[in-house]
Amino acid sequence: MHVKKIEIDHQKCTTPYACKLCLKGCTQSVFVVLPVKMEKFKETDPHEPGAWKLFAKYADHCVACNDCVELCPVKAINIII
């Protein structure tokens, strides 16, 4: 099986937790969003740029349907076959 490479431009995708369009549109559940800024006893703001990052943790599940690419409002996702 050939694993696709999924590139995410984090300069463009700054608030993935607030957006979540790629997560909702991906039927293969390829993406995860994780907090990269954490403060003790404080909830991480989903609208704060750079506080969360999108990762293609399960890129091996990608079927290259391009739904995530088309749904991304800032064009931050690219699939390389």
C-alpha atoms as a PDB file:
ATOM      1  CA  MET A   1       0.000   0.000   0.000  1.00  0.00           C
ATOM      2  CA  HIS A   2       1.321   3.413  -0.976  1.00  0.00           C
ATOM      3  CA  VAL A   3       1.036   5.987   1.790  1.00  0.00           C
ATOM      4  CA  LYS A   4       0.039   9.447   0.630  1.00  0.00           C
ATOM      5  CA  LYS A   5       1.908  12.432   1.958  1.00  0.00           C
ATOM      6  CA  ILE A   6      -0.372  15.083   3.374  1.00  0.00           C
ATOM      7  CA  GLU A   7       1.161  18.523   3.725  1.00  0.00           C
ATOM      8  CA  ILE A   8      -0.415  21.044   6.078  1.00  0.00           C
ATOM      9  CA  ASP A   9       0.643  24.676   5.906  1.00  0.00           C
ATOM     10  CA  HIS A  10       0.476  25.773   9.545  1.00  0.00           C
ATOM     11  CA  GLN A  11       1.064  29.376   8.483  1.00  0.00           C
ATOM     12  CA  LYS A  12      -2.354  29.282   6.792  1.00  0.00           C
ATOM     13  CA  CYS A  13      -4.155  26.867   9.133  1.00  0.00           C
ATOM     14  CA  THR A  14      -3.955  28.850  12.370  1.00  0.00           C
ATOM     15  CA  THR A  15      -7.259  27.954  14.086  1.00  0.00           C
ATOM     16  CA  PRO A  16      -8.072  24.340  13.092  1.00  0.00           C
ATOM     17  CA  TYR A  17     -10.051  23.583  16.256  1.00  0.00           C
ATOM     18  CA  ALA A  18     -12.418  26.468  15.591  1.00  0.00           C
ATOM     19  CA  CYS A  19     -12.793  25.519  11.908  1.00  0.00           C
ATOM     20  CA  LYS A  20     -12.819  21.683  11.862  1.00  0.00           C
ATOM     21  CA  LEU A  21     -14.043  21.490   8.243  1.00  0.00           C
ATOM     22  CA  CYS A  22     -11.365  18.971   7.255  1.00  0.00           C
ATOM     23  CA  LEU A  23     -12.176  16.789  10.260  1.00  0.00           C
ATOM     24  CA  LYS A  24     -15.893  16.814   9.468  1.00  0.00           C
ATOM     25  CA  GLY A  25     -15.337  16.188   5.764  1.00  0.00           C
ATOM     26  CA  CYS A  26     -12.800  13.375   6.018  1.00  0.00           C
ATOM     27  CA  THR A  27     -14.669  10.070   5.977  1.00  0.00           C
ATOM     28  CA  GLN A  28     -11.434   8.200   6.713  1.00  0.00           C
ATOM     29  CA  SER A  29     -10.689  10.173   9.929  1.00  0.00           C
ATOM     30  CA  VAL A  30      -7.159  11.003   8.825  1.00  0.00           C
ATOM     31  CA  PHE A  31      -6.784  14.217  10.860  1.00  0.00           C
ATOM     32  CA  VAL A  32      -6.407  15.084  14.523  1.00  0.00           C
ATOM     33  CA  VAL A  33      -6.236  18.504  16.147  1.00  0.00           C
ATOM     34  CA  LEU A  34      -4.072  18.840  19.247  1.00  0.00           C
ATOM     35  CA  PRO A  35      -3.324  21.767  21.526  1.00  0.00           C
ATOM     36  CA  VAL A  36       0.234  23.078  21.311  1.00  0.00           C
ATOM     37  CA  LYS A  37      -0.258  25.858  23.835  1.00  0.00           C
ATOM     38  CA  MET A  38      -1.319  24.689  27.273  1.00  0.00           C
ATOM     39  CA  GLU A  39      -1.526  26.575  30.535  1.00  0.00           C
ATOM     40  CA  LYS A  40      -2.210  24.984  33.874  1.00  0.00           C
ATOM     41  CA  PHE A  41      -5.848  25.375  35.012  1.00  0.00           C
ATOM     42  CA  LYS A  42      -6.799  27.254  31.845  1.00  0.00           C
ATOM     43  CA  GLU A  43      -8.776  26.013  28.844  1.00  0.00           C
ATOM     44  CA  THR A  44      -7.019  26.469  25.503  1.00  0.00           C
ATOM     45  CA  ASP A  45      -8.945  28.973  23.386  1.00  0.00           C
ATOM     46  CA  PRO A  46      -9.996  27.339  20.077  1.00  0.00           C
ATOM     47  CA  HIS A  47      -9.996  30.747  18.357  1.00  0.00           C
ATOM     48  CA  GLU A  48      -6.467  31.741  19.393  1.00  0.00           C
ATOM     49  CA  PRO A  49      -4.169  31.503  16.352  1.00  0.00           C
ATOM     50  CA  GLY A  50      -1.422  28.929  16.835  1.00  0.00           C
ATOM     51  CA  ALA A  51      -2.852  27.401  20.025  1.00  0.00           C
ATOM     52  CA  TRP A  52      -3.963  24.245  18.177  1.00  0.00           C
ATOM     53  CA  LYS A  53      -2.358  22.348  15.286  1.00  0.00           C
ATOM     54  CA  LEU A  54      -3.774  20.034  12.665  1.00  0.00           C
ATOM     55  CA  PHE A  55      -1.925  16.765  12.054  1.00  0.00           C
ATOM     56  CA  ALA A  56      -2.489  13.990   9.497  1.00  0.00           C
ATOM     57  CA  LYS A  57      -1.903  11.286  12.091  1.00  0.00           C
ATOM     58  CA  TYR A  58      -3.564   8.548  10.058  1.00  0.00           C
ATOM     59  CA  ALA A  59      -2.258   9.442   6.593  1.00  0.00           C
ATOM     60  CA  ASP A  60      -2.119   5.735   5.759  1.00  0.00           C
ATOM     61  CA  HIS A  61      -5.959   5.736   5.822  1.00  0.00           C
ATOM     62  CA  CYS A  62      -6.155   8.481   3.164  1.00  0.00           C
ATOM     63  CA  VAL A  63      -7.909   7.487  -0.061  1.00  0.00           C
ATOM     64  CA  ALA A  64      -6.951  10.765  -1.818  1.00  0.00           C
ATOM     65  CA  CYS A  65     -10.564  11.858  -2.330  1.00  0.00           C
ATOM     66  CA  ASN A  66      -9.411  15.498  -1.941  1.00  0.00           C
ATOM     67  CA  ASP A  67     -12.457  16.437   0.162  1.00  0.00           C
ATOM     68  CA  CYS A  68     -10.214  17.986   2.821  1.00  0.00           C
ATOM     69  CA  VAL A  69      -8.355  20.012   0.185  1.00  0.00           C
ATOM     70  CA  GLU A  70     -11.596  21.322  -1.280  1.00  0.00           C
ATOM     71  CA  LEU A  71     -13.209  22.056   2.105  1.00  0.00           C
ATOM     72  CA  CYS A  72     -10.274  23.979   3.574  1.00  0.00           C
ATOM     73  CA  PRO A  73     -11.200  27.683   3.466  1.00  0.00           C
ATOM     74  CA  VAL A  74      -7.534  28.798   3.592  1.00  0.00           C
ATOM     75  CA  LYS A  75      -6.153  26.152   1.199  1.00  0.00           C
ATOM     76  CA  ALA A  76      -3.703  24.822   3.776  1.00  0.00           C
ATOM     77  CA  ILE A  77      -3.910  21.111   2.868  1.00  0.00           C
ATOM     78  CA  ASN A  78      -2.157  19.390  -0.012  1.00  0.00           C
ATOM     79  CA  ILE A  79      -2.141  15.665  -0.803  1.00  0.00           C
ATOM     80  CA  ILE A  80       0.855  14.229  -2.652  1.00  0.00           C
ATOM     81  CA  ILE A  81       0.356  10.785  -4.160  1.00  0.00           C
END
